[in-house]
N, C-alpha and C. Protein backbone atom coordinates (compact mmCIF):
# COMPACT_ATOMS: atom_id res chain seq x y z
N MET A 1 0.91 -1.43 -0.23
CA MET A 1 0.06 0.09 0.16
C MET A 1 0.84 1.30 -0.01
N ASN A 2 0.87 2.17 -1.14
CA ASN A 2 1.42 3.47 -0.83
C ASN A 2 0.84 4.53 -0.28
N PRO A 3 1.36 4.72 0.48
CA PRO A 3 0.99 6.24 0.83
C PRO A 3 -0.51 6.89 0.79
N GLU A 4 -0.69 7.21 -1.09
CA GLU A 4 -2.19 7.70 -1.11
C GLU A 4 -3.37 6.41 -1.07
N GLU A 5 -2.51 5.76 -1.16
CA GLU A 5 -3.54 4.42 -1.07
C GLU A 5 -4.19 3.84 0.44
N TYR A 6 -2.98 4.29 1.25
CA TYR A 6 -3.49 4.61 2.81
C TYR A 6 -4.42 6.05 3.26
N ALA A 7 -4.56 7.29 2.54
CA ALA A 7 -5.35 7.95 2.95
C ALA A 7 -6.26 8.14 2.41
N ASP A 8 -7.10 7.20 1.41
CA ASP A 8 -8.23 7.32 0.63
C ASP A 8 -8.59 6.15 1.19
N HIS A 9 -8.40 5.35 1.89
CA HIS A 9 -9.09 4.54 2.67
C HIS A 9 -9.80 5.08 3.30
N PHE A 10 -9.68 6.01 4.60
CA PHE A 10 -10.30 6.59 4.88
C PHE A 10 -11.32 7.22 4.23
N LEU A 11 -10.99 7.98 3.64
CA LEU A 11 -12.22 8.54 3.19
C LEU A 11 -13.36 7.34 2.58
N GLU A 12 -14.71 7.80 2.90
CA GLU A 12 -15.93 7.04 2.14
C GLU A 12 -15.88 7.47 0.75
N HIS A 13 -17.54 5.88 0.59
CA HIS A 13 -17.67 6.12 -0.30
C HIS A 13 -18.98 6.68 -1.28
N ASP A 14 -18.12 7.97 -1.75
CA ASP A 14 -19.13 9.01 -2.40
C ASP A 14 -19.49 8.22 -3.79
N GLY A 15 -20.85 8.19 -3.23
CA GLY A 15 -21.37 8.09 -4.97
C GLY A 15 -22.13 8.51 -5.90
N LEU A 16 -21.51 10.34 -5.90
CA LEU A 16 -21.85 10.47 -6.42
C LEU A 16 -20.66 11.79 -7.26
N LEU A 17 -19.45 11.50 -6.57
CA LEU A 17 -18.80 11.24 -7.13
C LEU A 17 -18.21 10.49 -8.28
N ALA A 18 -18.07 9.38 -7.86
CA ALA A 18 -18.39 8.45 -8.35
C ALA A 18 -19.42 7.93 -9.87
N ARG A 19 -20.87 8.48 -9.81
CA ARG A 19 -20.93 8.21 -11.07
C ARG A 19 -20.28 9.35 -11.73
N VAL A 20 -20.28 10.33 -11.40
CA VAL A 20 -19.50 11.37 -12.26
C VAL A 20 -18.57 11.34 -12.40
N LYS A 21 -16.84 10.21 -12.00
CA LYS A 21 -16.44 9.62 -12.52
C LYS A 21 -16.78 9.24 -13.86
N GLN A 22 -17.73 7.73 -13.71
CA GLN A 22 -18.02 6.45 -14.56
C GLN A 22 -18.52 7.22 -15.51
N ASN A 23 -19.07 8.87 -15.91
CA ASN A 23 -20.32 9.12 -17.17
C ASN A 23 -18.99 9.39 -17.88
N ILE A 24 -18.10 10.45 -16.50
CA ILE A 24 -16.67 11.21 -17.79
C ILE A 24 -15.49 10.04 -18.58
N ALA A 25 -15.77 8.79 -17.66
CA ALA A 25 -15.25 7.70 -18.62
C ALA A 25 -15.99 7.18 -19.83
N ASP A 26 -17.39 7.00 -19.37
CA ASP A 26 -18.79 6.73 -20.21
C ASP A 26 -18.78 7.49 -21.61
N LYS A 27 -18.25 8.29 -21.82
CA LYS A 27 -18.41 9.26 -22.67
C LYS A 27 -16.93 9.52 -23.49
N GLY A 28 -15.38 8.62 -22.80
CA GLY A 28 -14.56 8.48 -23.40
C GLY A 28 -13.64 10.43 -23.17
N MET A 29 -14.23 10.87 -22.03
CA MET A 29 -14.05 11.58 -21.75
C MET A 29 -11.92 11.57 -20.52
N PRO A 30 -11.60 12.84 -21.12
CA PRO A 30 -9.69 12.85 -20.26
C PRO A 30 -10.13 11.82 -18.46
N ALA A 31 -9.48 10.89 -18.46
CA ALA A 31 -10.05 9.95 -16.96
C ALA A 31 -8.79 10.78 -15.91
N ILE A 32 -8.70 12.44 -15.78
CA ILE A 32 -8.11 13.26 -15.29
C ILE A 32 -8.71 13.84 -13.90
N SER A 33 -9.70 13.73 -13.35
CA SER A 33 -9.95 14.43 -13.15
C SER A 33 -9.06 14.96 -11.14
N ILE A 34 -9.44 15.37 -10.40
CA ILE A 34 -8.66 15.23 -9.41
C ILE A 34 -8.47 14.75 -8.82
N ALA A 35 -7.31 13.95 -7.52
CA ALA A 35 -7.83 13.38 -6.68
C ALA A 35 -8.62 13.05 -5.42
N PRO A 36 -9.42 12.20 -4.84
CA PRO A 36 -10.45 12.14 -3.52
C PRO A 36 -9.94 13.16 -2.73
N GLY A 37 -8.60 13.31 -2.47
CA GLY A 37 -7.60 13.35 -1.25
C GLY A 37 -7.09 14.75 -1.43
N TYR A 38 -7.26 15.38 -2.88
CA TYR A 38 -7.18 16.25 -2.89
C TYR A 38 -8.63 16.60 -2.64
N GLY A 39 -9.70 16.27 -3.73
CA GLY A 39 -10.81 17.03 -3.55
C GLY A 39 -10.98 17.40 -2.65
N ARG A 40 -11.23 16.22 -1.30
CA ARG A 40 -11.38 17.05 -0.47
C ARG A 40 -10.55 17.76 0.39
N LEU A 41 -9.64 17.85 0.41
CA LEU A 41 -8.43 19.32 0.30
C LEU A 41 -9.74 20.47 -0.11
N LEU A 42 -9.65 20.81 -1.63
CA LEU A 42 -10.37 21.93 -1.80
C LEU A 42 -11.37 22.45 -0.93
N THR A 43 -12.83 21.55 -1.01
CA THR A 43 -13.80 21.51 -0.06
C THR A 43 -13.51 22.42 0.74
N MET A 44 -12.14 21.51 2.21
CA MET A 44 -11.77 22.17 3.35
C MET A 44 -10.86 23.43 3.83
N LEU A 45 -10.87 23.92 1.81
CA LEU A 45 -10.08 24.55 1.76
C LEU A 45 -11.15 26.00 1.12
N VAL A 46 -12.01 25.87 0.34
CA VAL A 46 -12.55 26.41 0.60
C VAL A 46 -13.99 27.50 1.88
N ALA A 47 -14.21 26.09 2.30
CA ALA A 47 -14.81 26.07 3.36
C ALA A 47 -13.57 27.04 4.74
N ALA A 48 -12.60 26.86 4.81
CA ALA A 48 -11.59 27.29 5.56
C ALA A 48 -11.55 28.60 5.48
N THR A 49 -11.75 29.46 4.65
CA THR A 49 -11.37 30.32 3.92
C THR A 49 -12.60 31.23 3.77
N LYS A 50 -13.75 30.51 3.68
CA LYS A 50 -15.19 31.58 3.72
C LYS A 50 -15.55 32.49 2.01
N ALA A 51 -14.62 31.48 0.86
CA ALA A 51 -14.07 31.63 -0.22
C ALA A 51 -15.75 31.45 -0.40
N GLU A 52 -16.40 33.40 -0.25
CA GLU A 52 -17.51 33.81 -1.89
C GLU A 52 -18.04 32.87 -2.60
N GLN A 53 -16.41 33.99 -3.61
CA GLN A 53 -16.33 33.68 -5.63
C GLN A 53 -14.93 32.41 -5.60
N VAL A 54 -15.70 31.93 -6.34
CA VAL A 54 -14.90 30.68 -6.36
C VAL A 54 -14.50 30.78 -7.93
N LEU A 55 -12.94 30.78 -8.35
CA LEU A 55 -12.63 30.94 -10.40
C LEU A 55 -11.82 29.34 -10.63
N GLU A 56 -12.24 28.14 -11.30
CA GLU A 56 -11.89 26.94 -11.94
C GLU A 56 -12.07 27.03 -12.96
N ILE A 57 -10.53 27.19 -13.60
CA ILE A 57 -10.29 27.14 -14.51
C ILE A 57 -9.73 25.47 -14.28
N GLY A 58 -10.73 24.84 -16.17
CA GLY A 58 -10.76 23.60 -16.40
C GLY A 58 -11.83 23.37 -15.09
N ALA A 59 -13.39 22.80 -16.56
CA ALA A 59 -14.13 21.95 -15.70
C ALA A 59 -13.66 20.36 -16.08
N LEU A 60 -13.48 20.23 -17.05
CA LEU A 60 -13.44 18.14 -17.35
C LEU A 60 -14.92 18.23 -16.72
N GLY A 61 -15.40 17.17 -16.31
CA GLY A 61 -16.80 17.20 -16.05
C GLY A 61 -17.76 17.30 -14.55
N GLY A 62 -16.80 18.06 -14.56
CA GLY A 62 -17.91 18.62 -13.57
C GLY A 62 -17.04 18.28 -11.71
N TYR A 63 -16.48 17.15 -11.36
CA TYR A 63 -15.75 16.38 -10.51
C TYR A 63 -15.39 17.25 -9.82
N SER A 64 -14.58 18.31 -9.84
CA SER A 64 -13.99 19.40 -9.21
C SER A 64 -14.66 20.64 -8.57
N GLY A 65 -15.72 20.82 -9.70
CA GLY A 65 -16.69 21.74 -9.46
C GLY A 65 -17.75 20.90 -8.43
N ILE A 66 -17.40 20.22 -8.24
CA ILE A 66 -18.71 19.91 -6.63
C ILE A 66 -18.00 19.85 -5.46
N CYS A 67 -16.47 19.24 -5.42
CA CYS A 67 -15.63 19.95 -4.38
C CYS A 67 -15.61 21.17 -4.00
N LEU A 68 -15.53 21.66 -5.14
CA LEU A 68 -15.33 23.23 -4.36
C LEU A 68 -16.50 23.86 -4.82
N ALA A 69 -17.60 23.64 -5.01
CA ALA A 69 -18.99 23.71 -4.66
C ALA A 69 -19.43 23.79 -3.34
N ARG A 70 -18.95 22.31 -2.63
CA ARG A 70 -19.54 21.78 -1.21
C ARG A 70 -18.90 22.69 -0.25
N GLY A 71 -17.14 23.41 -0.48
CA GLY A 71 -17.06 24.17 0.94
C GLY A 71 -17.96 25.42 0.53
N LEU A 72 -18.40 25.97 -0.09
CA LEU A 72 -18.76 27.75 -0.47
C LEU A 72 -20.19 27.30 0.51
N ALA A 73 -20.58 28.74 1.14
CA ALA A 73 -21.69 28.40 1.58
C ALA A 73 -22.56 29.61 1.05
N PRO A 74 -24.25 29.22 1.22
CA PRO A 74 -24.73 29.01 0.30
C PRO A 74 -25.18 30.45 -0.08
N GLN A 75 -24.32 31.39 0.01
CA GLN A 75 -24.22 32.82 -0.84
C GLN A 75 -23.47 33.02 -1.48
N GLY A 76 -22.26 31.66 -1.97
CA GLY A 76 -21.09 31.79 -2.40
C GLY A 76 -21.45 31.46 -3.99
N ARG A 77 -20.67 32.28 -5.02
CA ARG A 77 -20.82 31.34 -6.43
C ARG A 77 -19.51 30.52 -7.32
N LEU A 78 -19.28 29.78 -7.72
CA LEU A 78 -18.82 29.82 -8.64
C LEU A 78 -18.53 29.81 -10.14
N THR A 79 -17.39 29.02 -10.65
CA THR A 79 -17.00 30.79 -12.27
C THR A 79 -16.52 29.48 -12.34
N SER A 80 -16.54 28.89 -13.74
CA SER A 80 -15.53 27.98 -13.66
C SER A 80 -15.66 28.56 -15.44
N LEU A 81 -14.24 27.89 -15.87
CA LEU A 81 -13.07 28.75 -17.78
C LEU A 81 -13.81 26.92 -17.87
N GLU A 82 -14.24 26.32 -19.09
CA GLU A 82 -13.88 25.11 -20.16
C GLU A 82 -13.61 25.70 -21.23
N LEU A 83 -13.23 24.66 -22.28
CA LEU A 83 -13.15 24.79 -23.49
C LEU A 83 -13.65 24.30 -24.38
N LYS A 84 -14.44 23.24 -23.75
CA LYS A 84 -15.83 22.53 -25.11
C LYS A 84 -16.73 22.31 -24.07
N GLN A 85 -17.71 22.47 -25.26
CA GLN A 85 -19.26 22.55 -24.54
C GLN A 85 -20.11 22.18 -24.03
N GLU A 86 -19.85 20.56 -24.22
CA GLU A 86 -20.13 19.36 -23.74
C GLU A 86 -19.49 19.20 -22.63
N TYR A 87 -18.04 19.26 -22.53
CA TYR A 87 -17.88 18.94 -21.05
C TYR A 87 -18.66 20.39 -20.46
N ALA A 88 -18.71 20.85 -20.31
CA ALA A 88 -18.82 22.42 -19.95
C ALA A 88 -20.45 21.57 -19.36
N ASP A 89 -21.16 21.31 -20.88
CA ASP A 89 -23.04 20.90 -20.49
C ASP A 89 -22.90 19.36 -19.40
N LEU A 90 -22.27 18.42 -19.24
CA LEU A 90 -22.17 17.33 -18.31
C LEU A 90 -21.74 17.99 -17.58
N ALA A 91 -20.96 19.21 -16.98
CA ALA A 91 -20.25 19.56 -15.92
C ALA A 91 -21.50 19.82 -14.90
N LEU A 92 -22.32 20.73 -16.14
CA LEU A 92 -23.55 21.68 -15.22
C LEU A 92 -24.60 20.66 -14.74
N ALA A 93 -24.79 19.38 -15.66
CA ALA A 93 -25.62 18.34 -15.14
C ALA A 93 -24.98 18.24 -13.95
N HIS A 94 -24.00 18.07 -13.91
CA HIS A 94 -23.12 17.31 -12.23
C HIS A 94 -23.94 17.88 -10.92
N LEU A 95 -23.44 19.59 -11.42
CA LEU A 95 -23.82 19.97 -10.56
C LEU A 95 -24.92 20.23 -9.80
N THR A 96 -25.76 20.60 -10.84
CA THR A 96 -27.05 20.27 -10.68
C THR A 96 -27.70 19.26 -9.64
N GLU A 97 -27.22 17.44 -10.11
CA GLU A 97 -27.49 16.83 -9.39
C GLU A 97 -27.10 17.18 -7.92
N ALA A 98 -25.49 17.91 -7.90
CA ALA A 98 -25.42 18.02 -6.62
C ALA A 98 -25.70 18.79 -5.79
N GLY A 99 -26.75 19.81 -6.30
CA GLY A 99 -27.47 20.99 -5.76
C GLY A 99 -27.39 22.17 -5.93
N PHE A 100 -26.26 22.10 -6.81
CA PHE A 100 -25.67 23.52 -7.07
C PHE A 100 -25.33 23.94 -8.44
N GLY A 101 -26.49 23.80 -8.86
CA GLY A 101 -26.61 24.78 -10.38
C GLY A 101 -26.98 26.23 -10.10
N ASP A 102 -27.95 26.34 -8.99
CA ASP A 102 -27.82 27.89 -9.37
C ASP A 102 -26.88 28.17 -8.71
N GLN A 103 -25.31 27.64 -8.53
CA GLN A 103 -23.95 29.10 -7.73
C GLN A 103 -23.44 28.62 -8.67
N VAL A 104 -23.28 27.85 -9.84
CA VAL A 104 -22.38 27.98 -11.09
C VAL A 104 -22.44 28.71 -11.59
N GLU A 105 -21.68 29.15 -13.12
CA GLU A 105 -21.62 29.54 -14.02
C GLU A 105 -20.78 29.08 -15.41
N PHE A 106 -20.94 29.03 -16.75
CA PHE A 106 -19.64 28.28 -17.03
C PHE A 106 -19.68 29.45 -18.13
N LYS A 107 -18.31 29.89 -17.80
CA LYS A 107 -18.07 30.55 -19.64
C LYS A 107 -17.05 30.01 -20.37
N VAL A 108 -17.77 29.42 -21.97
CA VAL A 108 -16.40 28.66 -22.51
C VAL A 108 -15.67 28.68 -23.96
N GLY A 109 -14.96 28.70 -23.80
CA GLY A 109 -13.81 29.20 -24.85
C GLY A 109 -12.84 29.11 -24.06
N LEU A 110 -12.21 29.76 -24.92
CA LEU A 110 -10.29 29.52 -24.92
C LEU A 110 -10.04 30.36 -23.45
N ALA A 111 -9.33 29.73 -21.72
CA ALA A 111 -9.74 30.32 -20.79
C ALA A 111 -8.82 31.60 -20.91
N VAL A 112 -7.47 31.51 -21.75
CA VAL A 112 -7.47 33.50 -21.68
C VAL A 112 -8.15 34.33 -22.10
N ASP A 113 -9.36 34.05 -22.94
CA ASP A 113 -10.08 35.20 -23.48
C ASP A 113 -10.61 35.40 -22.11
N SER A 114 -11.46 34.65 -21.20
CA SER A 114 -12.60 34.21 -20.58
C SER A 114 -11.79 35.35 -19.01
N LEU A 115 -10.43 34.65 -19.11
CA LEU A 115 -10.20 35.70 -18.20
C LEU A 115 -9.93 37.03 -17.94
N GLU A 116 -9.50 37.37 -19.01
CA GLU A 116 -9.33 39.26 -19.61
C GLU A 116 -10.52 39.91 -19.86
N THR A 117 -11.48 38.51 -20.28
CA THR A 117 -12.62 39.47 -20.19
C THR A 117 -13.39 39.61 -18.85
N LEU A 118 -12.77 39.10 -17.33
CA LEU A 118 -13.62 38.77 -15.82
C LEU A 118 -12.29 40.17 -15.78
N LYS A 119 -10.77 39.49 -16.27
CA LYS A 119 -9.95 41.24 -15.74
C LYS A 119 -10.96 42.38 -16.04
N GLN A 120 -11.66 42.64 -16.92
CA GLN A 120 -12.37 44.09 -17.63
C GLN A 120 -13.33 44.51 -17.07
N GLU A 121 -14.23 43.12 -16.82
CA GLU A 121 -15.40 42.83 -15.93
C GLU A 121 -15.23 44.10 -14.67
N GLY A 122 -13.53 44.39 -14.09
CA GLY A 122 -13.15 43.86 -13.16
C GLY A 122 -13.80 42.69 -11.45
N ARG A 123 -14.10 41.90 -11.66
CA ARG A 123 -14.53 40.35 -11.62
C ARG A 123 -13.60 40.80 -10.23
N LYS A 124 -13.13 40.28 -9.23
CA LYS A 124 -12.12 39.72 -8.41
C LYS A 124 -13.06 38.44 -7.76
N PHE A 125 -11.44 37.36 -7.24
CA PHE A 125 -12.06 35.94 -6.59
C PHE A 125 -11.25 35.52 -5.57
N ASP A 126 -11.93 34.86 -4.69
CA ASP A 126 -10.86 34.64 -3.52
C ASP A 126 -10.39 32.90 -3.46
N PHE A 127 -10.72 32.51 -4.37
CA PHE A 127 -10.14 30.96 -4.32
C PHE A 127 -10.19 30.68 -5.51
N PHE A 128 -9.04 29.75 -6.19
CA PHE A 128 -8.71 29.78 -7.31
C PHE A 128 -8.16 28.77 -7.46
N PHE A 129 -9.05 27.43 -8.87
CA PHE A 129 -8.34 26.31 -9.20
C PHE A 129 -8.23 26.07 -10.30
N ILE A 130 -6.59 26.30 -10.53
CA ILE A 130 -6.16 25.74 -11.92
C ILE A 130 -6.45 24.12 -12.22
N ASP A 131 -6.51 23.74 -13.39
CA ASP A 131 -5.83 22.00 -13.78
C ASP A 131 -6.93 22.46 -15.22
N ALA A 132 -6.16 22.64 -15.82
CA ALA A 132 -6.99 23.05 -17.59
C ALA A 132 -5.20 22.90 -18.38
N ASP A 133 -5.25 23.24 -19.36
CA ASP A 133 -3.61 23.05 -20.33
C ASP A 133 -3.34 23.12 -19.75
N LYS A 134 -1.46 22.69 -19.64
CA LYS A 134 0.12 22.79 -19.10
C LYS A 134 0.41 24.07 -19.01
N GLU A 135 0.24 24.45 -20.58
CA GLU A 135 1.68 25.37 -20.90
C GLU A 135 1.33 26.06 -20.56
N ASN A 136 -0.08 26.80 -20.35
CA ASN A 136 -1.01 28.01 -20.25
C ASN A 136 -0.95 28.55 -18.31
N TYR A 137 -0.08 27.58 -17.78
CA TYR A 137 -0.14 27.25 -16.86
C TYR A 137 -0.13 29.26 -16.14
N PRO A 138 1.86 29.39 -16.22
CA PRO A 138 2.27 30.39 -16.33
C PRO A 138 1.15 31.76 -16.51
N VAL A 139 0.80 31.63 -17.88
CA VAL A 139 0.17 32.90 -17.38
C VAL A 139 -1.89 33.26 -16.76
N TYR A 140 -2.11 31.17 -16.00
CA TYR A 140 -4.05 31.47 -15.87
C TYR A 140 -2.49 32.23 -14.47
N LEU A 141 -1.48 31.52 -14.05
CA LEU A 141 -1.35 32.59 -12.65
C LEU A 141 -1.40 33.21 -12.42
N GLU A 142 -0.79 35.05 -13.63
CA GLU A 142 -1.00 35.74 -13.23
C GLU A 142 -1.53 36.89 -13.12
N TYR A 143 -2.79 35.96 -14.29
CA TYR A 143 -4.24 36.62 -14.32
C TYR A 143 -4.82 36.39 -12.57
N ALA A 144 -4.26 34.30 -12.37
CA ALA A 144 -4.91 34.84 -10.95
C ALA A 144 -4.99 36.06 -9.60
N ILE A 145 -3.37 35.99 -10.14
CA ILE A 145 -2.49 37.07 -9.14
C ILE A 145 -3.52 38.26 -9.26
N GLU A 146 -3.70 38.56 -10.99
CA GLU A 146 -4.22 40.33 -10.27
C GLU A 146 -5.61 40.14 -10.46
N LEU A 147 -6.70 38.54 -11.02
CA LEU A 147 -8.01 38.68 -9.86
C LEU A 147 -8.25 38.50 -8.97
N ALA A 148 -6.92 38.21 -7.51
CA ALA A 148 -6.96 38.00 -6.73
C ALA A 148 -8.29 39.27 -6.02
N ASN A 149 -8.80 39.09 -4.57
CA ASN A 149 -9.25 39.44 -3.45
C ASN A 149 -7.67 39.53 -2.69
N PRO A 150 -7.64 40.30 -1.72
CA PRO A 150 -6.88 40.16 -0.71
C PRO A 150 -6.55 38.61 0.16
N GLY A 151 -5.37 38.26 0.23
CA GLY A 151 -5.98 36.67 0.49
C GLY A 151 -5.89 35.46 -0.22
N ALA A 152 -6.74 35.53 -1.24
CA ALA A 152 -7.20 34.77 -1.91
C ALA A 152 -5.66 33.44 -1.86
N ILE A 153 -6.74 32.11 -1.97
CA ILE A 153 -5.77 31.20 -2.18
C ILE A 153 -6.08 30.65 -3.79
N ILE A 154 -4.60 30.70 -4.16
CA ILE A 154 -4.61 29.31 -5.53
C ILE A 154 -4.17 27.77 -5.92
N ALA A 155 -4.66 27.37 -6.25
CA ALA A 155 -3.71 25.72 -5.93
C ALA A 155 -3.98 24.83 -7.71
N GLY A 156 -3.37 24.75 -8.18
CA GLY A 156 -2.79 24.23 -9.27
C GLY A 156 -2.38 22.83 -9.40
N ASP A 157 -3.47 22.03 -10.81
CA ASP A 157 -3.60 20.64 -10.24
C ASP A 157 -1.70 19.97 -11.15
N ASN A 158 -2.24 18.08 -10.54
CA ASN A 158 -0.70 18.19 -11.39
C ASN A 158 -0.19 18.85 -11.97
N THR A 159 1.28 18.83 -10.79
CA THR A 159 2.10 19.52 -11.06
C THR A 159 3.24 19.11 -10.97
N PHE A 160 3.25 17.27 -11.00
CA PHE A 160 4.49 16.67 -10.90
C PHE A 160 3.91 15.32 -12.80
N LEU A 161 2.97 15.87 -13.48
CA LEU A 161 2.73 15.60 -15.12
C LEU A 161 3.36 13.98 -14.89
N ARG A 162 2.90 13.28 -14.24
CA ARG A 162 3.05 11.69 -14.03
C ARG A 162 5.07 12.12 -14.26
N GLY A 163 5.41 12.15 -13.08
CA GLY A 163 7.38 12.38 -13.32
C GLY A 163 7.75 13.10 -13.92
N ARG A 164 7.26 13.40 -15.64
CA ARG A 164 7.63 13.81 -16.38
C ARG A 164 8.68 15.62 -15.94
N THR A 165 7.68 16.51 -14.33
CA THR A 165 8.46 17.23 -13.96
C THR A 165 9.49 17.45 -13.20
N LEU A 166 9.98 15.89 -13.29
CA LEU A 166 11.08 15.74 -11.82
C LEU A 166 11.43 14.40 -12.79
N ASN A 167 11.72 15.16 -13.80
CA ASN A 167 12.90 14.21 -15.32
C ASN A 167 13.37 15.37 -15.63
N PRO A 168 15.24 15.24 -15.20
CA PRO A 168 15.88 16.03 -16.49
C PRO A 168 15.16 15.66 -17.82
N ASP A 169 15.59 15.05 -18.17
CA ASP A 169 15.44 14.52 -19.64
C ASP A 169 14.11 14.99 -20.09
N LYS A 170 13.37 15.06 -19.34
CA LYS A 170 11.58 15.31 -19.55
C LYS A 170 11.82 16.95 -20.01
N ASN A 171 11.81 17.72 -21.63
CA ASN A 171 11.73 19.19 -21.64
C ASN A 171 10.33 19.84 -22.33
N GLY A 172 9.58 19.07 -22.20
CA GLY A 172 8.85 19.61 -23.64
C GLY A 172 8.48 20.97 -23.05
N PRO A 173 7.22 21.17 -24.00
CA PRO A 173 6.89 23.01 -23.97
C PRO A 173 5.23 22.25 -21.86
N SER A 174 5.24 21.73 -22.01
CA SER A 174 4.08 21.29 -21.03
C SER A 174 4.83 21.52 -19.53
N VAL A 175 5.66 20.08 -19.68
CA VAL A 175 7.07 20.39 -18.53
C VAL A 175 7.65 21.54 -18.32
N GLN A 176 8.43 22.35 -19.08
CA GLN A 176 8.66 23.75 -18.76
C GLN A 176 8.16 24.39 -18.26
N ALA A 177 6.54 24.58 -19.33
CA ALA A 177 5.53 25.50 -17.71
C ALA A 177 5.46 24.69 -16.72
N ILE A 178 5.14 24.08 -16.58
CA ILE A 178 4.63 23.78 -15.00
C ILE A 178 6.12 23.63 -14.69
N ARG A 179 7.11 23.50 -14.74
CA ARG A 179 8.33 23.72 -14.03
C ARG A 179 8.13 25.06 -13.44
N ARG A 180 7.83 26.09 -14.15
CA ARG A 180 8.11 27.70 -13.71
C ARG A 180 6.66 28.37 -12.89
N PHE A 181 5.54 27.40 -13.67
CA PHE A 181 4.79 27.76 -12.93
C PHE A 181 4.82 27.18 -11.13
N ASN A 182 5.42 25.62 -11.30
CA ASN A 182 5.67 25.29 -9.67
C ASN A 182 7.08 26.09 -8.40
N GLU A 183 7.80 27.09 -9.18
CA GLU A 183 8.78 27.04 -8.99
C GLU A 183 8.03 29.23 -8.31
N SER A 184 7.15 30.14 -9.71
CA SER A 184 5.99 30.58 -9.09
C SER A 184 5.39 30.85 -7.89
N MET A 185 4.63 29.65 -7.95
CA MET A 185 3.74 28.92 -6.49
C MET A 185 5.23 29.31 -5.32
N ALA A 186 5.77 28.67 -5.83
CA ALA A 186 6.97 28.29 -4.45
C ALA A 186 7.58 29.79 -4.32
N THR A 187 8.13 30.95 -5.12
CA THR A 187 9.51 32.03 -4.29
C THR A 187 8.94 33.31 -5.03
N ASP A 188 7.32 33.23 -5.92
CA ASP A 188 7.45 34.72 -6.30
C ASP A 188 6.60 35.72 -4.92
N GLU A 189 7.94 36.43 -5.18
CA GLU A 189 7.22 37.86 -3.61
C GLU A 189 6.09 38.28 -3.20
N ARG A 190 5.39 38.08 -4.37
CA ARG A 190 3.99 38.40 -4.15
C ARG A 190 2.35 37.35 -3.36
N LEU A 191 3.62 35.67 -2.93
CA LEU A 191 2.78 34.71 -2.31
C LEU A 191 3.09 33.95 -1.73
N ILE A 192 2.54 33.61 -1.12
CA ILE A 192 3.27 32.01 0.57
C ILE A 192 3.01 30.87 -0.52
N GLY A 193 3.13 30.30 -0.76
CA GLY A 193 3.28 28.58 -1.23
C GLY A 193 3.97 27.99 -1.03
N THR A 194 3.46 26.99 -0.93
CA THR A 194 4.15 25.91 -1.71
C THR A 194 3.57 24.79 -2.46
N ILE A 195 4.87 23.41 -2.28
CA ILE A 195 4.22 22.23 -3.41
C ILE A 195 3.56 21.44 -2.52
N LEU A 196 2.32 20.64 -2.52
CA LEU A 196 2.49 19.02 -1.83
C LEU A 196 2.34 18.22 -2.36
N PRO A 197 3.42 17.47 -1.96
CA PRO A 197 3.99 16.10 -2.92
C PRO A 197 2.98 14.70 -3.21
N ALA A 198 1.70 14.92 -3.04
CA ALA A 198 1.96 13.18 -3.06
C ALA A 198 0.62 13.13 -3.52
N TYR A 199 0.17 11.74 -4.62
CA TYR A 199 -0.93 12.08 -5.96
C TYR A 199 0.03 12.14 -7.03
N ASP A 200 -0.31 13.47 -8.07
CA ASP A 200 0.82 13.71 -9.04
C ASP A 200 0.96 14.94 -8.41
N GLY A 201 0.69 15.74 -7.18
CA GLY A 201 1.32 17.43 -7.30
C GLY A 201 0.07 18.21 -7.18
N LEU A 202 0.26 19.01 -6.34
CA LEU A 202 -0.69 19.87 -6.36
C LEU A 202 0.08 21.68 -5.21
N ALA A 203 -0.10 22.03 -6.74
CA ALA A 203 1.40 23.25 -5.64
C ALA A 203 -0.29 24.67 -4.84
N VAL A 204 0.17 25.06 -4.20
CA VAL A 204 -1.29 25.79 -2.91
C VAL A 204 -0.33 27.63 -2.87
N ALA A 205 -0.32 28.85 -3.15
CA ALA A 205 -0.63 29.70 -2.74
C ALA A 205 -1.72 30.71 -2.26
N MET A 206 -0.76 31.29 -1.38
CA MET A 206 -1.89 32.63 -1.10
C MET A 206 -1.51 33.59 -1.61
N VAL A 207 -2.26 34.56 -2.30
CA VAL A 207 -1.89 36.01 -2.07
C VAL A 207 -1.38 36.69 -1.18
N LYS A 208 -0.19 37.53 -1.28
CA LYS A 208 0.05 38.50 0.06
C LYS A 208 -1.28 39.53 0.06
N PRO A 209 -1.87 39.38 1.12
CA PRO A 209 -2.95 40.73 1.33
C PRO A 209 -2.48 41.99 1.00
N GLN A 210 -1.43 42.44 1.33
CA GLN A 210 -0.69 44.21 0.46
C GLN A 210 -0.27 44.07 -1.05
N GLN A 211 -0.65 42.81 -1.81
CA GLN A 211 0.21 42.57 -3.19
C GLN A 211 -1.93 43.20 -3.94
N ARG A 212 -2.94 43.30 -2.57
CA ARG A 212 -3.66 43.96 -4.18
C ARG A 212 -3.92 44.88 -2.90
């Protein structure tokens, strides 16, 4: 039993999230939803920080969206950016089934375009979850800092890229982008951050209040 399996066996079976994963698989979508342990962590962080405005970059089938929404207060809102309409539709169906349909809005299209629109609208957020195309992680991080309320939390998934980030022989565009993202999350003077080394890696940082 590895450390992740040991930790996961304490998590009770979640029928809703299991159905979400199965539906994602049945539709031939990538099996890249956040690990259950980190999904639980997202719920905890949103609840602990009392985040009212949450921005998710990369919806897929709604697994992480449900985890984020579970931490929201009744007046909280989740804004989810997704490239593909069919993915956004499935995510909305799952979030509606989970009871959060009236707390979520989806913006479909290139995330960079949606982020620029949010910036121009003057939108601000308390919590960010980044789990989309890896080459743009550094870009998404910069937008998150710009869109952040004081003390906002930023989390980015898959920061190890199944070991490629750690392998010096791997230097493709996605690997290089994730390495820059990881370094920024841990060392950027605007942030207080760290990298959690379980599952496929999760970088978590807080935007320093004096920066916004």
